[in-house]
Amino acid sequence: MFQLYAYRDCTLEGIVKRFHDEGVIYRPDKPKWKRTSVHNMLNDRTYIGEI
């Protein structure tokens, strides 16, 4: 996700579409990715390694 956003000029919607097309599951109980989930992960300090 981070590579797509930072280096491949993918939008949040583009990442969601790509994950859907590739069958990437968000969570077993909620398999579809949402734009807000991608946005939150990209902005979460834990995921980007600051914490």
N, C-alpha and C. Protein backbone atom coordinates (compact mmCIF):
# COMPACT_ATOMS: atom_id res chain seq x y z
N MET A 1 0.82 -1.18 0.00
CA MET A 1 0.00 0.00 0.00
C MET A 1 0.87 1.25 0.00
N PHE A 2 1.88 1.28 0.87
CA PHE A 2 2.73 2.46 0.97
C PHE A 2 3.51 2.69 -0.32
N GLN A 3 4.02 1.62 -0.91
CA GLN A 3 4.74 1.71 -2.18
C GLN A 3 3.83 2.24 -3.28
N LEU A 4 2.61 1.73 -3.34
CA LEU A 4 1.67 2.18 -4.37
C LEU A 4 1.37 3.67 -4.23
N TYR A 5 1.15 4.10 -3.01
CA TYR A 5 0.79 5.49 -2.78
C TYR A 5 1.97 6.44 -3.00
N ALA A 6 3.13 6.04 -2.51
CA ALA A 6 4.28 6.93 -2.55
C ALA A 6 5.01 6.94 -3.88
N TYR A 7 5.14 5.77 -4.51
CA TYR A 7 6.01 5.67 -5.67
C TYR A 7 5.31 5.36 -6.98
N ARG A 8 4.08 4.93 -6.93
CA ARG A 8 3.38 4.58 -8.17
C ARG A 8 2.23 5.53 -8.47
N ASP A 9 2.15 6.60 -7.71
CA ASP A 9 1.15 7.63 -7.95
C ASP A 9 -0.28 7.09 -7.94
N CYS A 10 -0.55 6.16 -7.03
CA CYS A 10 -1.90 5.59 -6.88
C CYS A 10 -2.71 6.47 -5.93
N THR A 11 -3.95 6.67 -6.25
CA THR A 11 -4.86 7.38 -5.34
C THR A 11 -5.40 6.39 -4.32
N LEU A 12 -6.09 6.90 -3.32
CA LEU A 12 -6.72 6.01 -2.34
C LEU A 12 -7.72 5.08 -3.04
N GLU A 13 -8.50 5.65 -3.95
CA GLU A 13 -9.46 4.84 -4.70
C GLU A 13 -8.76 3.80 -5.57
N GLY A 14 -7.60 4.18 -6.12
CA GLY A 14 -6.83 3.25 -6.94
C GLY A 14 -6.31 2.07 -6.13
N ILE A 15 -5.89 2.34 -4.91
CA ILE A 15 -5.42 1.27 -4.04
C ILE A 15 -6.58 0.34 -3.68
N VAL A 16 -7.73 0.91 -3.33
CA VAL A 16 -8.90 0.10 -3.00
C VAL A 16 -9.28 -0.78 -4.20
N LYS A 17 -9.30 -0.21 -5.39
CA LYS A 17 -9.65 -0.98 -6.59
C LYS A 17 -8.63 -2.09 -6.84
N ARG A 18 -7.37 -1.76 -6.73
CA ARG A 18 -6.33 -2.76 -6.97
C ARG A 18 -6.42 -3.91 -5.96
N PHE A 19 -6.62 -3.59 -4.69
CA PHE A 19 -6.77 -4.63 -3.68
C PHE A 19 -7.98 -5.51 -3.98
N HIS A 20 -9.08 -4.88 -4.38
CA HIS A 20 -10.29 -5.63 -4.72
C HIS A 20 -10.01 -6.55 -5.91
N ASP A 21 -9.39 -6.01 -6.94
CA ASP A 21 -9.08 -6.79 -8.15
C ASP A 21 -8.14 -7.96 -7.86
N GLU A 22 -7.21 -7.77 -6.92
CA GLU A 22 -6.24 -8.81 -6.59
C GLU A 22 -6.71 -9.75 -5.49
N GLY A 23 -7.90 -9.48 -4.94
CA GLY A 23 -8.45 -10.36 -3.91
C GLY A 23 -7.83 -10.19 -2.53
N VAL A 24 -7.23 -9.02 -2.28
CA VAL A 24 -6.63 -8.76 -0.97
C VAL A 24 -7.77 -8.49 0.02
N ILE A 25 -7.78 -9.25 1.10
CA ILE A 25 -8.85 -9.14 2.09
C ILE A 25 -8.42 -8.20 3.21
N TYR A 26 -9.31 -7.31 3.60
CA TYR A 26 -9.04 -6.36 4.69
C TYR A 26 -9.04 -7.09 6.03
N ARG A 27 -10.15 -7.71 6.36
CA ARG A 27 -10.30 -8.55 7.54
C ARG A 27 -11.27 -9.66 7.18
N PRO A 28 -11.16 -10.82 7.82
CA PRO A 28 -12.07 -11.91 7.48
C PRO A 28 -13.56 -11.52 7.63
N ASP A 29 -13.86 -10.72 8.65
CA ASP A 29 -15.27 -10.33 8.85
C ASP A 29 -15.68 -9.16 7.97
N LYS A 30 -14.71 -8.44 7.42
CA LYS A 30 -14.97 -7.31 6.50
C LYS A 30 -13.97 -7.41 5.36
N PRO A 31 -14.24 -8.25 4.38
CA PRO A 31 -13.24 -8.50 3.34
C PRO A 31 -12.95 -7.32 2.40
N LYS A 32 -13.90 -6.41 2.24
CA LYS A 32 -13.70 -5.30 1.30
C LYS A 32 -12.96 -4.13 1.96
N TRP A 33 -12.01 -3.60 1.20
CA TRP A 33 -11.29 -2.41 1.64
C TRP A 33 -12.15 -1.18 1.38
N LYS A 34 -12.03 -0.19 2.24
CA LYS A 34 -12.71 1.09 2.07
C LYS A 34 -11.66 2.19 2.00
N ARG A 35 -12.03 3.25 1.34
CA ARG A 35 -11.12 4.39 1.18
C ARG A 35 -10.65 4.91 2.53
N THR A 36 -11.56 5.00 3.50
CA THR A 36 -11.19 5.51 4.82
C THR A 36 -10.19 4.59 5.52
N SER A 37 -10.31 3.28 5.31
CA SER A 37 -9.36 2.34 5.92
C SER A 37 -7.96 2.57 5.37
N VAL A 38 -7.86 2.74 4.07
CA VAL A 38 -6.56 2.99 3.43
C VAL A 38 -6.01 4.33 3.93
N HIS A 39 -6.83 5.34 3.96
CA HIS A 39 -6.41 6.66 4.43
C HIS A 39 -5.89 6.59 5.85
N ASN A 40 -6.64 5.92 6.73
CA ASN A 40 -6.23 5.82 8.13
C ASN A 40 -4.90 5.08 8.28
N MET A 41 -4.71 4.01 7.53
CA MET A 41 -3.46 3.26 7.61
C MET A 41 -2.28 4.09 7.10
N LEU A 42 -2.48 4.82 6.03
CA LEU A 42 -1.40 5.63 5.48
C LEU A 42 -1.02 6.78 6.40
N ASN A 43 -1.93 7.18 7.26
CA ASN A 43 -1.66 8.30 8.17
C ASN A 43 -1.39 7.88 9.61
N ASP A 44 -1.46 6.60 9.89
CA ASP A 44 -1.25 6.10 11.25
C ASP A 44 0.25 6.04 11.53
N ARG A 45 0.69 6.72 12.56
CA ARG A 45 2.11 6.81 12.89
C ARG A 45 2.72 5.44 13.19
N THR A 46 1.92 4.51 13.68
CA THR A 46 2.43 3.17 13.96
C THR A 46 2.78 2.46 12.66
N TYR A 47 1.92 2.55 11.65
CA TYR A 47 2.17 1.88 10.38
C TYR A 47 3.35 2.48 9.61
N ILE A 48 3.59 3.76 9.81
CA ILE A 48 4.70 4.38 9.07
C ILE A 48 6.01 4.34 9.84
N GLY A 49 6.00 3.70 11.01
CA GLY A 49 7.22 3.43 11.75
C GLY A 49 7.69 4.52 12.69
N GLU A 50 6.87 5.48 13.01
CA GLU A 50 7.28 6.53 13.94
C GLU A 50 7.13 6.10 15.40
N ILE A 51 6.31 5.10 15.64
CA ILE A 51 6.07 4.64 17.02
C ILE A 51 6.55 3.21 17.13
